[in-house]
Amino acid sequence: MGRVWIAVLVLCGPIYAQTTFRINYDLQSTDVSLDQIQGLSNYVKAHPGAYFLVQGFACDTGGFTISRRVAERRSKSVLQLMLHDTTQDHIQFANATVIKGEPRIEHRRLEIAAFPTPELLAPALAQANRNSDLAHAEFPEARTTETPVQETSGSSLPLLLLLLLLVLLLILAYLFWTRIRTKEKSPAEEHMLTPEQAEAVHAITGQPVILPRKRLKTVIQPANLISPEATIEEFRSTNMASKKKVKPVPTIRKALDKQFETRSLGEIAKSPIHALQGLTPRHSKMLEEAFGIKTVEDLASLKYFELARAITVLARYEE
């Protein structure tokens, strides 16, 4: 900011209206320096209980619209400073004013006048606004009706509404995205085997999983590998009209020792190795001694088995 100076036109006296505190600015400056802050504080303290009229001015350098905004910022720049020594209901803002012509440096100012009562302040505010209207009549782009600076703060309302609308749209978008991610699957999709499960079924039954063309109430799922009777019955009723041959439903029973055929998959996973058909208790003992394997689950988790499985799967995609 260039050099600024503060001038008190008339020393504080018993008649408040004769005393005006003035801050002069260079060009488009709206900053208040430390000496200006001290001078403003002394002025407000010298008028305890007074009512203050604040009005910002600007020259027409840069055009009317920009200059008026500068004048408004000059008015608002002192509000928080004044509130240290008075209350907001004791402060009124006249319309920010742009003045055309020379000397332009004289138009770059802020004026604060003190009045002992609000009744004396009111006509001074009205006169300041009339003077502002007369000054703005020189500018074609000026609005015909001016609004005091303290009321122009409402101009931020559309921006706030726009921000609230944007936040609302973001919330709705997030809820919609969350709904898609957490959307409940249909009963058929919920029970259909995943590709990984289908591959496992093929490995333990020797039969590929063939899902029905029509959606069934009970679709092939891991539990049916133990007790497939319900699924078989539904397959038959579904294909009855077409008189097509009903294909057998895969079952895990043929892969289990007889005494383990009726157990659940979870129970089988915790069972000894000889639960798998073709392995005996002797094999279980040998695997336990060799690798510490005690259950079917231990066998599936064996490090060497997992490595062999990974190598075999990746080998399918090797060029």
Protein backbone atom coordinates (compact mmCIF):
# COMPACT_ATOMS: atom_id res chain seq x y z
CA MET A 1 0.00 0.00 0.00
CA GLY A 2 1.25 3.43 -0.86
CA ARG A 3 1.56 6.23 1.61
CA VAL A 4 -1.64 6.98 3.49
CA TRP A 5 -2.50 9.69 5.93
CA ILE A 6 -5.25 10.40 8.39
CA ALA A 7 -6.85 13.79 8.93
CA VAL A 8 -9.38 14.94 11.47
CA LEU A 9 -11.13 17.89 9.85
CA VAL A 10 -12.32 19.45 13.08
CA LEU A 11 -11.12 18.63 16.58
CA CYS A 12 -13.50 16.81 18.89
CA GLY A 13 -16.02 19.28 20.29
CA PRO A 14 -19.34 19.30 22.06
CA ILE A 15 -21.27 19.15 18.78
CA TYR A 16 -20.66 15.67 17.37
CA ALA A 17 -21.80 16.42 13.79
CA GLN A 18 -18.99 18.95 13.43
CA THR A 19 -16.39 16.23 13.96
CA THR A 20 -15.51 13.91 11.08
CA PHE A 21 -12.78 11.31 11.12
CA ARG A 22 -11.21 10.76 7.71
CA ILE A 23 -8.91 8.11 6.27
CA ASN A 24 -7.27 8.80 2.91
CA TYR A 25 -6.06 6.03 0.58
CA ASP A 26 -3.76 5.69 -2.38
CA LEU A 27 -5.34 4.36 -5.59
CA GLN A 28 -7.28 1.14 -4.93
CA SER A 29 -6.01 0.53 -1.40
CA THR A 30 -8.53 -0.62 1.25
CA ASP A 31 -6.05 -1.50 3.99
CA VAL A 32 -5.96 0.26 7.33
CA SER A 33 -2.50 0.88 8.78
CA LEU A 34 -1.52 0.76 12.44
CA ASP A 35 -1.57 4.53 12.85
CA GLN A 36 -5.00 4.63 11.23
CA ILE A 37 -6.24 1.94 13.62
CA GLN A 38 -4.96 3.93 16.60
CA GLY A 39 -6.49 7.15 15.31
CA LEU A 40 -9.84 5.43 14.71
CA SER A 41 -9.80 3.88 18.18
CA ASN A 42 -9.05 7.27 19.80
CA TYR A 43 -11.88 8.85 17.81
CA VAL A 44 -14.47 6.26 18.87
CA LYS A 45 -13.33 6.36 22.51
CA ALA A 46 -13.59 10.16 22.48
CA HIS A 47 -17.32 9.80 21.70
CA PRO A 48 -18.66 7.29 24.25
CA GLY A 49 -22.23 6.24 23.50
CA ALA A 50 -22.22 8.06 20.17
CA TYR A 51 -23.81 6.84 16.92
CA PHE A 52 -21.46 6.67 13.96
CA LEU A 53 -22.08 7.19 10.26
CA VAL A 54 -19.53 5.46 8.00
CA GLN A 55 -19.22 6.13 4.27
CA GLY A 56 -16.59 4.93 1.82
CA PHE A 57 -15.58 6.88 -1.29
CA ALA A 58 -13.58 6.02 -4.42
CA CYS A 59 -12.51 7.71 -7.62
CA ASP A 60 -13.71 6.35 -10.96
CA THR A 61 -10.34 4.84 -11.90
CA GLY A 62 -11.03 1.33 -13.21
CA GLY A 63 -14.69 1.96 -13.96
CA PHE A 64 -17.80 2.47 -11.84
CA THR A 65 -18.49 -1.14 -10.82
CA ILE A 66 -14.95 -1.90 -9.63
CA SER A 67 -14.58 1.46 -7.92
CA ARG A 68 -17.86 1.03 -6.05
CA ARG A 69 -16.72 -2.33 -4.73
CA VAL A 70 -13.52 -0.70 -3.52
CA ALA A 71 -15.56 1.98 -1.74
CA GLU A 72 -17.73 -0.71 -0.10
CA ARG A 73 -14.65 -2.59 1.10
CA ARG A 74 -13.31 0.62 2.59
CA SER A 75 -16.51 0.98 4.60
CA LYS A 76 -16.50 -2.61 5.80
CA SER A 77 -12.79 -2.59 6.65
CA VAL A 78 -13.37 -0.54 9.82
CA LEU A 79 -16.37 -2.41 11.23
CA GLN A 80 -14.44 -4.95 13.31
CA LEU A 81 -12.04 -2.24 14.47
CA MET A 82 -14.89 -0.04 15.71
CA LEU A 83 -16.60 -2.94 17.47
CA HIS A 84 -13.73 -2.99 19.97
CA ASP A 85 -14.98 0.32 21.38
CA THR A 86 -18.69 0.41 20.46
CA THR A 87 -21.58 -1.88 19.45
CA GLN A 88 -22.86 -2.67 15.98
CA ASP A 89 -26.24 -1.05 16.62
CA HIS A 90 -24.38 2.25 17.04
CA ILE A 91 -22.90 2.04 13.52
CA GLN A 92 -24.69 2.91 10.27
CA PHE A 93 -23.24 2.69 6.75
CA ALA A 94 -24.17 5.13 4.01
CA ASN A 95 -24.08 4.04 0.38
CA ALA A 96 -20.58 3.56 -0.99
CA THR A 97 -19.94 6.44 -3.36
CA VAL A 98 -17.92 6.77 -6.56
CA ILE A 99 -17.01 10.32 -7.56
CA LYS A 100 -16.17 11.29 -11.12
CA GLY A 101 -13.47 13.75 -12.12
CA GLU A 102 -10.56 15.48 -10.41
CA PRO A 103 -8.87 15.66 -8.00
CA ARG A 104 -9.10 11.88 -7.84
CA ILE A 105 -6.82 11.50 -4.86
CA GLU A 106 -9.36 13.46 -2.80
CA HIS A 107 -12.07 10.91 -3.65
CA ARG A 108 -10.15 7.93 -2.23
CA ARG A 109 -11.28 8.24 1.35
CA LEU A 110 -13.37 6.94 4.21
CA GLU A 111 -15.36 9.28 6.45
CA ILE A 112 -16.78 8.58 9.91
CA ALA A 113 -19.04 11.07 11.68
CA ALA A 114 -20.30 10.85 15.27
CA PHE A 115 -23.76 11.86 16.51
CA PRO A 116 -25.06 11.95 20.07
CA THR A 117 -28.45 10.36 19.25
CA PRO A 118 -29.91 8.15 16.50
CA GLU A 119 -32.42 10.94 15.75
CA LEU A 120 -29.57 13.19 14.64
CA LEU A 121 -27.90 10.37 12.75
CA ALA A 122 -30.96 9.50 10.64
CA PRO A 123 -31.16 12.74 8.59
CA ALA A 124 -27.39 12.71 8.08
CA LEU A 125 -27.63 9.15 6.71
CA ALA A 126 -30.45 10.13 4.37
CA GLN A 127 -28.51 13.16 3.13
CA ALA A 128 -25.36 11.05 2.57
CA ASN A 129 -27.35 8.59 0.46
CA ARG A 130 -28.90 11.42 -1.57
CA ASN A 131 -25.44 12.83 -2.23
CA SER A 132 -24.36 9.34 -3.34
CA ASP A 133 -27.29 9.17 -5.78
CA LEU A 134 -26.33 12.54 -7.24
CA ALA A 135 -22.71 11.47 -7.67
CA HIS A 136 -23.74 8.22 -9.35
CA ALA A 137 -26.02 10.03 -11.79
CA GLU A 138 -22.80 10.82 -13.67
CA PHE A 139 -22.39 7.12 -14.47
CA PRO A 140 -24.75 5.46 -17.01
CA GLU A 141 -24.08 2.02 -15.56
CA ALA A 142 -25.05 3.05 -12.02
CA ARG A 143 -28.27 1.68 -10.61
CA THR A 144 -31.10 4.16 -10.16
CA THR A 145 -31.77 3.01 -6.60
CA GLU A 146 -28.84 2.66 -4.24
CA THR A 147 -28.81 0.32 -1.26
CA PRO A 148 -26.91 1.13 1.94
CA VAL A 149 -23.73 -0.83 2.46
CA GLN A 150 -25.06 -2.70 5.48
CA GLU A 151 -27.91 -4.02 3.33
CA THR A 152 -25.69 -5.01 0.41
CA SER A 153 -24.39 -7.87 2.55
CA GLY A 154 -27.56 -9.66 1.45
CA SER A 155 -26.05 -9.87 -2.02
CA SER A 156 -24.08 -12.86 -0.73
CA LEU A 157 -27.35 -14.75 -0.23
CA PRO A 158 -27.47 -16.17 -3.79
CA LEU A 159 -23.90 -17.42 -3.36
CA LEU A 160 -24.82 -19.11 -0.08
CA LEU A 161 -27.87 -20.70 -1.69
CA LEU A 162 -25.69 -21.94 -4.55
CA LEU A 163 -23.20 -23.45 -2.09
CA LEU A 164 -26.01 -25.12 -0.13
CA LEU A 165 -27.43 -26.53 -3.36
CA LEU A 166 -24.00 -27.86 -4.34
CA VAL A 167 -23.58 -29.50 -0.93
CA LEU A 168 -27.06 -31.04 -1.23
CA LEU A 169 -26.24 -32.44 -4.67
CA LEU A 170 -22.99 -33.92 -3.36
CA ILE A 171 -24.86 -35.57 -0.47
CA LEU A 172 -27.47 -37.00 -2.84
CA ALA A 173 -24.75 -38.27 -5.18
CA TYR A 174 -22.96 -39.92 -2.25
CA LEU A 175 -26.17 -41.56 -1.02
CA PHE A 176 -26.95 -42.78 -4.54
CA TRP A 177 -23.45 -44.20 -4.94
CA THR A 178 -23.66 -45.86 -1.52
CA ARG A 179 -27.06 -47.32 -2.42
CA ILE A 180 -25.63 -48.86 -5.59
CA ARG A 181 -22.71 -50.38 -3.70
CA THR A 182 -24.87 -51.79 -0.92
CA LYS A 183 -27.80 -52.76 -3.11
CA GLU A 184 -29.21 -56.06 -1.97
CA LYS A 185 -28.84 -58.89 -4.43
CA SER A 186 -31.85 -60.77 -5.68
CA PRO A 187 -32.44 -64.18 -4.08
CA ALA A 188 -31.13 -65.93 -7.20
CA GLU A 189 -27.99 -63.80 -7.40
CA GLU A 190 -27.46 -64.25 -3.69
CA HIS A 191 -27.35 -68.03 -3.95
CA MET A 192 -25.65 -68.53 -7.30
CA LEU A 193 -22.11 -69.80 -7.19
CA THR A 194 -19.25 -67.47 -7.92
CA PRO A 195 -16.70 -68.52 -10.58
CA GLU A 196 -14.33 -69.52 -7.79
CA GLN A 197 -17.03 -71.64 -6.11
CA ALA A 198 -17.99 -73.22 -9.45
CA GLU A 199 -14.35 -74.18 -10.06
CA ALA A 200 -14.20 -75.72 -6.59
CA VAL A 201 -17.40 -77.70 -7.23
CA HIS A 202 -15.96 -79.00 -10.47
CA ALA A 203 -12.78 -80.05 -8.70
CA ILE A 204 -14.52 -82.06 -5.94
CA THR A 205 -17.41 -83.53 -7.93
CA GLY A 206 -15.89 -84.02 -11.36
CA GLN A 207 -18.96 -82.38 -12.92
CA PRO A 208 -19.19 -78.85 -14.31
CA VAL A 209 -21.85 -76.66 -12.75
CA ILE A 210 -24.70 -76.00 -15.20
CA LEU A 211 -27.04 -73.33 -13.93
CA PRO A 212 -30.70 -73.47 -15.04
CA ARG A 213 -31.97 -71.13 -17.76
CA LYS A 214 -34.92 -70.16 -15.60
CA ARG A 215 -34.42 -68.65 -12.21
CA LEU A 216 -35.24 -71.04 -9.42
CA LYS A 217 -36.27 -70.36 -5.86
CA THR A 218 -33.44 -72.64 -4.81
CA VAL A 219 -30.41 -72.19 -7.01
CA ILE A 220 -27.28 -74.31 -6.78
CA GLN A 221 -25.32 -73.17 -3.75
CA PRO A 222 -22.61 -74.70 -1.56
CA ALA A 223 -25.15 -76.19 0.88
CA ASN A 224 -26.77 -78.19 -1.95
CA LEU A 225 -23.52 -80.06 -2.48
CA ILE A 226 -24.28 -81.93 0.77
CA SER A 227 -28.07 -82.31 0.34
CA PRO A 228 -28.95 -81.76 -3.33
CA GLU A 229 -32.38 -83.46 -3.16
CA ALA A 230 -34.38 -80.20 -3.00
CA THR A 231 -32.54 -78.77 -5.97
CA ILE A 232 -32.97 -81.95 -7.97
CA GLU A 233 -36.71 -81.89 -7.30
CA GLU A 234 -36.99 -78.31 -8.43
CA PHE A 235 -34.94 -79.03 -11.54
CA ARG A 236 -37.41 -81.77 -12.41
CA SER A 237 -40.50 -79.61 -11.89
CA THR A 238 -38.97 -76.75 -13.88
CA ASN A 239 -38.09 -78.93 -16.85
CA MET A 240 -41.24 -81.05 -16.74
CA ALA A 241 -43.08 -79.01 -19.38
CA SER A 242 -40.22 -79.16 -21.85
CA LYS A 243 -39.79 -82.94 -21.23
CA LYS A 244 -36.07 -82.49 -21.37
CA LYS A 245 -33.77 -84.88 -19.64
CA VAL A 246 -32.88 -83.60 -16.21
CA LYS A 247 -29.15 -83.34 -15.78
CA PRO A 248 -27.76 -84.53 -12.47
CA VAL A 249 -26.96 -81.95 -9.82
CA PRO A 250 -23.34 -81.95 -8.64
CA THR A 251 -22.80 -83.45 -5.20
CA ILE A 252 -19.77 -83.68 -2.94
CA ARG A 253 -20.82 -86.98 -1.44
CA LYS A 254 -18.77 -89.01 -3.90
CA ALA A 255 -15.66 -87.16 -2.74
CA LEU A 256 -16.21 -88.02 0.95
CA ASP A 257 -15.86 -91.08 3.11
CA LYS A 258 -19.31 -92.49 3.87
CA GLN A 259 -19.38 -91.42 7.52
CA PHE A 260 -18.76 -87.78 6.56
CA GLU A 261 -21.31 -87.49 3.71
CA THR A 262 -24.04 -85.88 5.82
CA ARG A 263 -21.86 -83.28 7.52
CA SER A 264 -21.84 -79.59 6.56
CA LEU A 265 -18.96 -78.08 4.63
CA GLY A 266 -17.77 -76.30 7.77
CA GLU A 267 -17.71 -79.55 9.69
CA ILE A 268 -15.89 -81.34 6.90
CA ALA A 269 -13.23 -78.58 6.82
CA LYS A 270 -12.52 -79.31 10.50
CA SER A 271 -12.57 -83.09 10.02
CA PRO A 272 -9.47 -85.36 9.74
CA ILE A 273 -7.84 -85.85 6.37
CA HIS A 274 -9.36 -89.30 5.91
CA ALA A 275 -12.79 -87.63 5.56
CA LEU A 276 -11.79 -87.35 1.89
CA GLN A 277 -12.54 -90.50 -0.05
CA GLY A 278 -9.41 -92.48 -0.94
CA LEU A 279 -7.47 -91.42 2.19
CA THR A 280 -7.22 -93.59 5.28
CA PRO A 281 -6.40 -92.87 8.94
CA ARG A 282 -2.90 -94.10 8.09
CA HIS A 283 -2.57 -91.36 5.49
CA SER A 284 -3.80 -88.83 8.04
CA LYS A 285 -1.12 -89.95 10.48
CA MET A 286 1.59 -89.74 7.83
CA LEU A 287 0.57 -86.21 6.77
CA GLU A 288 0.44 -85.09 10.37
CA GLU A 289 3.92 -86.45 11.03
CA ALA A 290 5.32 -84.97 7.83
CA PHE A 291 3.64 -81.55 7.73
CA GLY A 292 1.67 -81.21 10.96
CA ILE A 293 -1.60 -81.45 9.01
CA LYS A 294 -4.56 -82.60 11.11
CA THR A 295 -7.66 -81.41 9.23
CA VAL A 296 -8.95 -80.90 5.71
CA GLU A 297 -8.58 -77.17 6.29
CA ASP A 298 -4.91 -77.65 7.22
CA LEU A 299 -4.36 -79.53 3.99
CA ALA A 300 -5.96 -76.74 1.92
CA SER A 301 -3.78 -74.17 3.71
CA LEU A 302 -0.54 -76.07 3.23
CA LYS A 303 2.08 -73.68 1.89
CA TYR A 304 3.33 -76.13 -0.73
CA PHE A 305 -0.17 -76.88 -1.92
CA GLU A 306 -0.90 -73.16 -2.33
CA LEU A 307 2.33 -72.65 -4.27
CA ALA A 308 1.61 -75.59 -6.54
CA ARG A 309 -1.93 -74.32 -7.11
CA ALA A 310 -0.74 -70.79 -7.93
CA ILE A 311 1.90 -72.05 -10.37
CA THR A 312 -0.64 -74.25 -12.11
CA VAL A 313 -3.18 -71.45 -12.49
CA LEU A 314 -0.60 -68.94 -13.78
CA ALA A 315 0.81 -71.51 -16.19
CA ARG A 316 -2.50 -71.39 -18.10
CA TYR A 317 -1.77 -67.77 -19.04
CA GLU A 318 1.90 -68.20 -19.81
CA GLU A 319 2.80 -67.27 -23.37
